[in-house]
Amino acid sequence: MAEQIARLEAKLLHTQSEVLELRSLTAGKPQVAFSATLMESGSGEVGPFTTGTALKYKKVFSNVGSGYNPSTGTCVCVRERERERER
């Protein structure tokens, strides 16, 4: 049990270190990312389409920055310069 606790503590320290490193890389800038799948579960086919079609992901695992809109199937990433113009 003590060995398992020691392993978990070491893993926690490593994870905390990675979080600090990632924070320094982003330097407080807004981040946008999403992870999703086209199907709720299992597999299947999507398309073909004869016109441009937005694919709406059925299951969204993460949506950092709320850039992905599951209702429309679009992801919007505002660049920093555009944010400054809006101010």
PDB file of N, CA and C in Angstrom:
ATOM      1  N   MET A   1       0.819  -1.188   0.000  1.00  0.00           N
ATOM      2  CA  MET A   1       0.000   0.000   0.000  1.00  0.00           C
ATOM      3  C   MET A   1       0.870   1.262   0.000  1.00  0.00           C
ATOM      4  N   ALA A   2       1.909   1.283   0.819  1.00  0.00           N
ATOM      5  CA  ALA A   2       2.800   2.440   0.889  1.00  0.00           C
ATOM      6  C   ALA A   2       3.494   2.673  -0.449  1.00  0.00           C
ATOM      7  N   GLU A   3       3.841   1.588  -1.133  1.00  0.00           N
ATOM      8  CA  GLU A   3       4.487   1.700  -2.441  1.00  0.00           C
ATOM      9  C   GLU A   3       3.538   2.314  -3.461  1.00  0.00           C
ATOM     10  N   GLN A   4       2.284   1.915  -3.411  1.00  0.00           N
ATOM     11  CA  GLN A   4       1.276   2.447  -4.326  1.00  0.00           C
ATOM     12  C   GLN A   4       1.057   3.952  -4.069  1.00  0.00           C
ATOM     13  N   ILE A   5       1.020   4.345  -2.795  1.00  0.00           N
ATOM     14  CA  ILE A   5       0.865   5.760  -2.446  1.00  0.00           C
ATOM     15  C   ILE A   5       2.060   6.562  -2.949  1.00  0.00           C
ATOM     16  N   ALA A   6       3.249   6.024  -2.795  1.00  0.00           N
ATOM     17  CA  ALA A   6       4.458   6.705  -3.259  1.00  0.00           C
ATOM     18  C   ALA A   6       4.419   6.887  -4.779  1.00  0.00           C
ATOM     19  N   ARG A   7       3.968   5.851  -5.509  1.00  0.00           N
ATOM     20  CA  ARG A   7       3.854   5.947  -6.975  1.00  0.00           C
ATOM     21  C   ARG A   7       2.846   7.028  -7.365  1.00  0.00           C
ATOM     22  N   LEU A   8       1.707   7.059  -6.667  1.00  0.00           N
ATOM     23  CA  LEU A   8       0.675   8.058  -6.963  1.00  0.00           C
ATOM     24  C   LEU A   8       1.156   9.472  -6.656  1.00  0.00           C
ATOM     25  N   GLU A   9       1.902   9.640  -5.573  1.00  0.00           N
ATOM     26  CA  GLU A   9       2.452  10.949  -5.241  1.00  0.00           C
ATOM     27  C   GLU A   9       3.442  11.411  -6.302  1.00  0.00           C
ATOM     28  N   ALA A  10       4.282  10.494  -6.769  1.00  0.00           N
ATOM     29  CA  ALA A  10       5.253  10.827  -7.814  1.00  0.00           C
ATOM     30  C   ALA A  10       4.526  11.212  -9.103  1.00  0.00           C
ATOM     31  N   LYS A  11       3.470  10.485  -9.436  1.00  0.00           N
ATOM     32  CA  LYS A  11       2.688  10.771 -10.638  1.00  0.00           C
ATOM     33  C   LYS A  11       2.006  12.139 -10.512  1.00  0.00           C
ATOM     34  N   LEU A  12       1.498  12.453  -9.327  1.00  0.00           N
ATOM     35  CA  LEU A  12       0.866  13.743  -9.086  1.00  0.00           C
ATOM     36  C   LEU A  12       1.864  14.879  -9.262  1.00  0.00           C
ATOM     37  N   LEU A  13       3.066  14.740  -8.709  1.00  0.00           N
ATOM     38  CA  LEU A  13       4.092  15.770  -8.854  1.00  0.00           C
ATOM     39  C   LEU A  13       4.462  15.975 -10.316  1.00  0.00           C
ATOM     40  N   HIS A  14       4.568  14.876 -11.064  1.00  0.00           N
ATOM     41  CA  HIS A  14       4.883  14.957 -12.494  1.00  0.00           C
ATOM     42  C   HIS A  14       3.761  15.685 -13.242  1.00  0.00           C
ATOM     43  N   THR A  15       2.520  15.363 -12.924  1.00  0.00           N
ATOM     44  CA  THR A  15       1.377  15.997 -13.576  1.00  0.00           C
ATOM     45  C   THR A  15       1.332  17.482 -13.258  1.00  0.00           C
ATOM     46  N   GLN A  16       1.579  17.845 -12.001  1.00  0.00           N
ATOM     47  CA  GLN A  16       1.609  19.251 -11.614  1.00  0.00           C
ATOM     48  C   GLN A  16       2.696  20.001 -12.377  1.00  0.00           C
ATOM     49  N   SER A  17       3.824  19.369 -12.556  1.00  0.00           N
ATOM     50  CA  SER A  17       4.921  19.971 -13.305  1.00  0.00           C
ATOM     51  C   SER A  17       4.517  20.205 -14.762  1.00  0.00           C
ATOM     52  N   GLU A  18       3.839  19.234 -15.358  1.00  0.00           N
ATOM     53  CA  GLU A  18       3.387  19.372 -16.742  1.00  0.00           C
ATOM     54  C   GLU A  18       2.362  20.498 -16.872  1.00  0.00           C
ATOM     55  N   VAL A  19       1.463  20.616 -15.911  1.00  0.00           N
ATOM     56  CA  VAL A  19       0.460  21.683 -15.937  1.00  0.00           C
ATOM     57  C   VAL A  19       1.146  23.044 -15.897  1.00  0.00           C
ATOM     58  N   LEU A  20       2.126  23.202 -15.025  1.00  0.00           N
ATOM     59  CA  LEU A  20       2.857  24.469 -14.936  1.00  0.00           C
ATOM     60  C   LEU A  20       3.577  24.783 -16.244  1.00  0.00           C
ATOM     61  N   GLU A  21       4.158  23.765 -16.861  1.00  0.00           N
ATOM     62  CA  GLU A  21       4.851  23.966 -18.137  1.00  0.00           C
ATOM     63  C   GLU A  21       3.866  24.394 -19.222  1.00  0.00           C
ATOM     64  N   LEU A  22       2.717  23.745 -19.277  1.00  0.00           N
ATOM     65  CA  LEU A  22       1.713  24.103 -20.283  1.00  0.00           C
ATOM     66  C   LEU A  22       1.187  25.514 -20.066  1.00  0.00           C
ATOM     67  N   ARG A  23       0.993  25.891 -18.814  1.00  0.00           N
ATOM     68  CA  ARG A  23       0.544  27.258 -18.522  1.00  0.00           C
ATOM     69  C   ARG A  23       1.571  28.281 -19.003  1.00  0.00           C
ATOM     70  N   SER A  24       2.847  27.970 -18.836  1.00  0.00           N
ATOM     71  CA  SER A  24       3.869  28.910 -19.278  1.00  0.00           C
ATOM     72  C   SER A  24       3.902  29.000 -20.805  1.00  0.00           C
ATOM     73  N   LEU A  25       3.595  27.920 -21.491  1.00  0.00           N
ATOM     74  CA  LEU A  25       3.578  27.933 -22.951  1.00  0.00           C
ATOM     75  C   LEU A  25       2.418  28.746 -23.498  1.00  0.00           C
ATOM     76  N   THR A  26       1.258  28.662 -22.845  1.00  0.00           N
ATOM     77  CA  THR A  26       0.084  29.401 -23.328  1.00  0.00           C
ATOM     78  C   THR A  26       0.114  30.850 -22.883  1.00  0.00           C
ATOM     79  N   ALA A  27       0.871  31.159 -21.857  1.00  0.00           N
ATOM     80  CA  ALA A  27       1.055  32.530 -21.354  1.00  0.00           C
ATOM     81  C   ALA A  27      -0.261  33.266 -21.173  1.00  0.00           C
ATOM     82  N   GLY A  28      -1.272  32.584 -20.704  1.00  0.00           N
ATOM     83  CA  GLY A  28      -2.546  33.222 -20.423  1.00  0.00           C
ATOM     84  C   GLY A  28      -3.388  33.531 -21.641  1.00  0.00           C
ATOM     85  N   LYS A  29      -2.940  33.119 -22.825  1.00  0.00           N
ATOM     86  CA  LYS A  29      -3.709  33.369 -24.041  1.00  0.00           C
ATOM     87  C   LYS A  29      -4.918  32.439 -24.073  1.00  0.00           C
ATOM     88  N   PRO A  30      -6.046  32.905 -24.632  1.00  0.00           N
ATOM     89  CA  PRO A  30      -7.224  32.028 -24.730  1.00  0.00           C
ATOM     90  C   PRO A  30      -6.920  30.825 -25.616  1.00  0.00           C
ATOM     91  N   GLN A  31      -7.387  29.682 -25.224  1.00  0.00           N
ATOM     92  CA  GLN A  31      -7.151  28.453 -25.969  1.00  0.00           C
ATOM     93  C   GLN A  31      -8.486  27.884 -26.457  1.00  0.00           C
ATOM     94  N   VAL A  32      -8.477  27.325 -27.647  1.00  0.00           N
ATOM     95  CA  VAL A  32      -9.667  26.691 -28.204  1.00  0.00           C
ATOM     96  C   VAL A  32      -9.262  25.328 -28.748  1.00  0.00           C
ATOM     97  N   ALA A  33      -9.959  24.301 -28.303  1.00  0.00           N
ATOM     98  CA  ALA A  33      -9.735  22.944 -28.797  1.00  0.00           C
ATOM     99  C   ALA A  33     -10.955  22.117 -28.459  1.00  0.00           C
ATOM    100  N   PHE A  34     -11.238  21.125 -29.304  1.00  0.00           N
ATOM    101  CA  PHE A  34     -12.324  20.218 -28.962  1.00  0.00           C
ATOM    102  C   PHE A  34     -11.985  18.811 -29.415  1.00  0.00           C
ATOM    103  N   SER A  35     -12.595  17.860 -28.744  1.00  0.00           N
ATOM    104  CA  SER A  35     -12.421  16.446 -29.060  1.00  0.00           C
ATOM    105  C   SER A  35     -13.810  15.841 -29.164  1.00  0.00           C
ATOM    106  N   ALA A  36     -14.081  15.154 -30.276  1.00  0.00           N
ATOM    107  CA  ALA A  36     -15.427  14.643 -30.501  1.00  0.00           C
ATOM    108  C   ALA A  36     -15.403  13.421 -31.409  1.00  0.00           C
ATOM    109  N   THR A  37     -16.542  12.768 -31.507  1.00  0.00           N
ATOM    110  CA  THR A  37     -16.693  11.631 -32.407  1.00  0.00           C
ATOM    111  C   THR A  37     -17.980  11.790 -33.206  1.00  0.00           C
ATOM    112  N   LEU A  38     -17.977  11.297 -34.439  1.00  0.00           N
ATOM    113  CA  LEU A  38     -19.150  11.441 -35.293  1.00  0.00           C
ATOM    114  C   LEU A  38     -20.311  10.544 -34.875  1.00  0.00           C
ATOM    115  N   MET A  39     -20.018   9.462 -34.199  1.00  0.00           N
ATOM    116  CA  MET A  39     -21.060   8.511 -33.793  1.00  0.00           C
ATOM    117  C   MET A  39     -21.212   8.515 -32.275  1.00  0.00           C
ATOM    118  N   GLU A  40     -22.423   8.275 -31.795  1.00  0.00           N
ATOM    119  CA  GLU A  40     -22.652   8.127 -30.352  1.00  0.00           C
ATOM    120  C   GLU A  40     -21.853   6.941 -29.822  1.00  0.00           C
ATOM    121  N   SER A  41     -21.895   5.848 -30.571  1.00  0.00           N
ATOM    122  CA  SER A  41     -21.132   4.652 -30.214  1.00  0.00           C
ATOM    123  C   SER A  41     -21.024   3.773 -31.455  1.00  0.00           C
ATOM    124  N   GLY A  42     -20.123   2.820 -31.409  1.00  0.00           N
ATOM    125  CA  GLY A  42     -19.975   1.896 -32.531  1.00  0.00           C
ATOM    126  C   GLY A  42     -19.368   2.565 -33.744  1.00  0.00           C
ATOM    127  N   SER A  43     -19.747   2.075 -34.927  1.00  0.00           N
ATOM    128  CA  SER A  43     -19.207   2.626 -36.161  1.00  0.00           C
ATOM    129  C   SER A  43     -20.330   2.763 -37.183  1.00  0.00           C
ATOM    130  N   GLY A  44     -20.045   3.447 -38.249  1.00  0.00           N
ATOM    131  CA  GLY A  44     -21.029   3.656 -39.302  1.00  0.00           C
ATOM    132  C   GLY A  44     -20.423   4.514 -40.388  1.00  0.00           C
ATOM    133  N   GLU A  45     -21.256   4.925 -41.318  1.00  0.00           N
ATOM    134  CA  GLU A  45     -20.776   5.727 -42.434  1.00  0.00           C
ATOM    135  C   GLU A  45     -21.397   7.111 -42.391  1.00  0.00           C
ATOM    136  N   VAL A  46     -20.641   8.078 -42.895  1.00  0.00           N
ATOM    137  CA  VAL A  46     -21.116   9.445 -43.010  1.00  0.00           C
ATOM    138  C   VAL A  46     -20.824   9.885 -44.435  1.00  0.00           C
ATOM    139  N   GLY A  47     -21.852  10.398 -45.124  1.00  0.00           N
ATOM    140  CA  GLY A  47     -21.655  10.848 -46.507  1.00  0.00           C
ATOM    141  C   GLY A  47     -21.823   9.704 -47.479  1.00  0.00           C
ATOM    142  N   PRO A  48     -21.541   9.899 -48.722  1.00  0.00           N
ATOM    143  CA  PRO A  48     -21.007  11.100 -49.349  1.00  0.00           C
ATOM    144  C   PRO A  48     -22.067  12.198 -49.483  1.00  0.00           C
ATOM    145  N   PHE A  49     -21.586  13.431 -49.626  1.00  0.00           N
ATOM    146  CA  PHE A  49     -22.454  14.574 -49.800  1.00  0.00           C
ATOM    147  C   PHE A  49     -22.164  15.204 -51.155  1.00  0.00           C
ATOM    148  N   THR A  50     -23.168  15.760 -51.794  1.00  0.00           N
ATOM    149  CA  THR A  50     -22.963  16.410 -53.093  1.00  0.00           C
ATOM    150  C   THR A  50     -22.699  17.902 -52.948  1.00  0.00           C
ATOM    151  N   THR A  51     -22.894  18.442 -51.740  1.00  0.00           N
ATOM    152  CA  THR A  51     -22.604  19.855 -51.471  1.00  0.00           C
ATOM    153  C   THR A  51     -21.815  19.952 -50.170  1.00  0.00           C
ATOM    154  N   GLY A  52     -21.246  21.121 -49.935  1.00  0.00           N
ATOM    155  CA  GLY A  52     -20.515  21.338 -48.693  1.00  0.00           C
ATOM    156  C   GLY A  52     -21.443  21.163 -47.499  1.00  0.00           C
ATOM    157  N   THR A  53     -21.073  20.302 -46.580  1.00  0.00           N
ATOM    158  CA  THR A  53     -21.935  19.984 -45.445  1.00  0.00           C
ATOM    159  C   THR A  53     -21.121  19.997 -44.152  1.00  0.00           C
ATOM    160  N   ALA A  54     -21.628  20.718 -43.160  1.00  0.00           N
ATOM    161  CA  ALA A  54     -20.971  20.709 -41.855  1.00  0.00           C
ATOM    162  C   ALA A  54     -21.296  19.394 -41.156  1.00  0.00           C
ATOM    163  N   LEU A  55     -20.267  18.717 -40.661  1.00  0.00           N
ATOM    164  CA  LEU A  55     -20.476  17.474 -39.920  1.00  0.00           C
ATOM    165  C   LEU A  55     -20.710  17.809 -38.454  1.00  0.00           C
ATOM    166  N   LYS A  56     -21.839  17.393 -37.944  1.00  0.00           N
ATOM    167  CA  LYS A  56     -22.156  17.635 -36.536  1.00  0.00           C
ATOM    168  C   LYS A  56     -21.723  16.413 -35.738  1.00  0.00           C
ATOM    169  N   TYR A  57     -20.756  16.620 -34.873  1.00  0.00           N
ATOM    170  CA  TYR A  57     -20.269  15.528 -34.046  1.00  0.00           C
ATOM    171  C   TYR A  57     -21.335  15.147 -33.029  1.00  0.00           C
ATOM    172  N   LYS A  58     -21.573  13.864 -32.892  1.00  0.00           N
ATOM    173  CA  LYS A  58     -22.633  13.372 -32.007  1.00  0.00           C
ATOM    174  C   LYS A  58     -22.233  13.386 -30.538  1.00  0.00           C
ATOM    175  N   LYS A  59     -20.949  13.142 -30.264  1.00  0.00           N
ATOM    176  CA  LYS A  59     -20.497  13.090 -28.877  1.00  0.00           C
ATOM    177  C   LYS A  59     -19.262  13.964 -28.731  1.00  0.00           C
ATOM    178  N   VAL A  60     -19.363  14.987 -27.888  1.00  0.00           N
ATOM    179  CA  VAL A  60     -18.259  15.908 -27.648  1.00  0.00           C
ATOM    180  C   VAL A  60     -17.645  15.554 -26.295  1.00  0.00           C
ATOM    181  N   PHE A  61     -16.375  15.189 -26.305  1.00  0.00           N
ATOM    182  CA  PHE A  61     -15.686  14.808 -25.075  1.00  0.00           C
ATOM    183  C   PHE A  61     -15.193  16.033 -24.315  1.00  0.00           C
ATOM    184  N   SER A  62     -14.609  16.975 -25.038  1.00  0.00           N
ATOM    185  CA  SER A  62     -14.149  18.205 -24.406  1.00  0.00           C
ATOM    186  C   SER A  62     -14.329  19.349 -25.391  1.00  0.00           C
ATOM    187  N   ASN A  63     -14.520  20.556 -24.849  1.00  0.00           N
ATOM    188  CA  ASN A  63     -14.739  21.736 -25.673  1.00  0.00           C
ATOM    189  C   ASN A  63     -14.090  22.932 -24.969  1.00  0.00           C
ATOM    190  N   VAL A  64     -12.766  22.939 -24.971  1.00  0.00           N
ATOM    191  CA  VAL A  64     -12.000  23.978 -24.286  1.00  0.00           C
ATOM    192  C   VAL A  64     -12.224  25.312 -25.007  1.00  0.00           C
ATOM    193  N   GLY A  65     -12.619  26.311 -24.276  1.00  0.00           N
ATOM    194  CA  GLY A  65     -12.858  27.629 -24.853  1.00  0.00           C
ATOM    195  C   GLY A  65     -14.218  27.763 -25.517  1.00  0.00           C
ATOM    196  N   SER A  66     -15.022  26.714 -25.496  1.00  0.00           N
ATOM    197  CA  SER A  66     -16.378  26.706 -26.073  1.00  0.00           C
ATOM    198  C   SER A  66     -16.395  27.145 -27.533  1.00  0.00           C
ATOM    199  N   GLY A  67     -15.356  26.796 -28.284  1.00  0.00           N
ATOM    200  CA  GLY A  67     -15.293  27.172 -29.693  1.00  0.00           C
ATOM    201  C   GLY A  67     -16.176  26.325 -30.589  1.00  0.00           C
ATOM    202  N   TYR A  68     -16.408  25.059 -30.209  1.00  0.00           N
ATOM    203  CA  TYR A  68     -17.220  24.174 -31.039  1.00  0.00           C
ATOM    204  C   TYR A  68     -18.690  24.306 -30.658  1.00  0.00           C
ATOM    205  N   ASN A  69     -19.542  24.484 -31.662  1.00  0.00           N
ATOM    206  CA  ASN A  69     -20.981  24.565 -31.454  1.00  0.00           C
ATOM    207  C   ASN A  69     -21.613  23.272 -31.975  1.00  0.00           C
ATOM    208  N   PRO A  70     -22.046  22.374 -31.086  1.00  0.00           N
ATOM    209  CA  PRO A  70     -22.601  21.101 -31.542  1.00  0.00           C
ATOM    210  C   PRO A  70     -23.918  21.237 -32.304  1.00  0.00           C
ATOM    211  N   SER A  71     -24.609  22.364 -32.147  1.00  0.00           N
ATOM    212  CA  SER A  71     -25.867  22.580 -32.871  1.00  0.00           C
ATOM    213  C   SER A  71     -25.633  22.852 -34.349  1.00  0.00           C
ATOM    214  N   THR A  72     -24.537  23.571 -34.642  1.00  0.00           N
ATOM    215  CA  THR A  72     -24.254  23.932 -36.031  1.00  0.00           C
ATOM    216  C   THR A  72     -23.143  23.104 -36.659  1.00  0.00           C
ATOM    217  N   GLY A  73     -22.313  22.469 -35.829  1.00  0.00           N
ATOM    218  CA  GLY A  73     -21.189  21.701 -36.356  1.00  0.00           C
ATOM    219  C   GLY A  73     -20.003  22.567 -36.716  1.00  0.00           C
ATOM    220  N   THR A  74     -19.956  23.793 -36.195  1.00  0.00           N
ATOM    221  CA  THR A  74     -18.846  24.683 -36.520  1.00  0.00           C
ATOM    222  C   THR A  74     -17.973  24.944 -35.293  1.00  0.00           C
ATOM    223  N   CYS A  75     -16.705  25.205 -35.568  1.00  0.00           N
ATOM    224  CA  CYS A  75     -15.764  25.568 -34.514  1.00  0.00           C
ATOM    225  C   CYS A  75     -15.182  26.926 -34.878  1.00  0.00           C
ATOM    226  N   VAL A  76     -15.314  27.888 -33.973  1.00  0.00           N
ATOM    227  CA  VAL A  76     -14.833  29.242 -34.217  1.00  0.00           C
ATOM    228  C   VAL A  76     -13.668  29.522 -33.277  1.00  0.00           C
ATOM    229  N   CYS A  77     -12.555  29.929 -33.870  1.00  0.00           N
ATOM    230  CA  CYS A  77     -11.369  30.285 -33.098  1.00  0.00           C
ATOM    231  C   CYS A  77     -11.048  31.736 -33.406  1.00  0.00           C
ATOM    232  N   VAL A  78     -11.237  32.611 -32.437  1.00  0.00           N
ATOM    233  CA  VAL A  78     -10.982  34.030 -32.628  1.00  0.00           C
ATOM    234  C   VAL A  78      -9.506  34.303 -32.384  1.00  0.00           C
ATOM    235  N   ARG A  79      -8.877  34.939 -33.354  1.00  0.00           N
ATOM    236  CA  ARG A  79      -7.464  35.276 -33.198  1.00  0.00           C
ATOM    237  C   ARG A  79      -7.312  36.465 -32.276  1.00  0.00           C
ATOM    238  N   GLU A  80      -6.173  36.597 -31.647  1.00  0.00           N
ATOM    239  CA  GLU A  80      -5.925  37.644 -30.657  1.00  0.00           C
ATOM    240  C   GLU A  80      -6.131  39.036 -31.246  1.00  0.00           C
ATOM    241  N   ARG A  81      -5.689  39.268 -32.488  1.00  0.00           N
ATOM    242  CA  ARG A  81      -5.859  40.581 -33.106  1.00  0.00           C
ATOM    243  C   ARG A  81      -7.331  40.940 -33.236  1.00  0.00           C
ATOM    244  N   GLU A  82      -8.153  39.955 -33.580  1.00  0.00           N
ATOM    245  CA  GLU A  82      -9.584  40.204 -33.717  1.00  0.00           C
ATOM    246  C   GLU A  82     -10.206  40.533 -32.369  1.00  0.00           C
ATOM    247  N   ARG A  83      -9.743  39.902 -31.309  1.00  0.00           N
ATOM    248  CA  ARG A  83     -10.229  40.214 -29.964  1.00  0.00           C
ATOM    249  C   ARG A  83      -9.901  41.657 -29.603  1.00  0.00           C
ATOM    250  N   GLU A  84      -8.695  42.110 -29.964  1.00  0.00           N
ATOM    251  CA  GLU A  84      -8.284  43.468 -29.643  1.00  0.00           C
ATOM    252  C   GLU A  84      -9.148  44.474 -30.384  1.00  0.00           C
ATOM    253  N   ARG A  85      -9.526  44.188 -31.640  1.00  0.00           N
ATOM    254  CA  ARG A  85     -10.388  45.079 -32.407  1.00  0.00           C
ATOM    255  C   ARG A  85     -11.778  45.189 -31.794  1.00  0.00           C
ATOM    256  N   GLU A  86     -12.244  44.094 -31.178  1.00  0.00           N
ATOM    257  CA  GLU A  86     -13.581  44.095 -30.588  1.00  0.00           C
ATOM    258  C   GLU A  86     -13.644  44.982 -29.359  1.00  0.00           C
ATOM    259  N   ARG A  87     -12.518  45.228 -28.708  1.00  0.00           N
ATOM    260  CA  ARG A  87     -12.499  46.006 -27.461  1.00  0.00           C
ATOM    261  C   ARG A  87     -12.735  47.455 -27.689  1.00  0.00           C
TER     262      ARG A  87
END
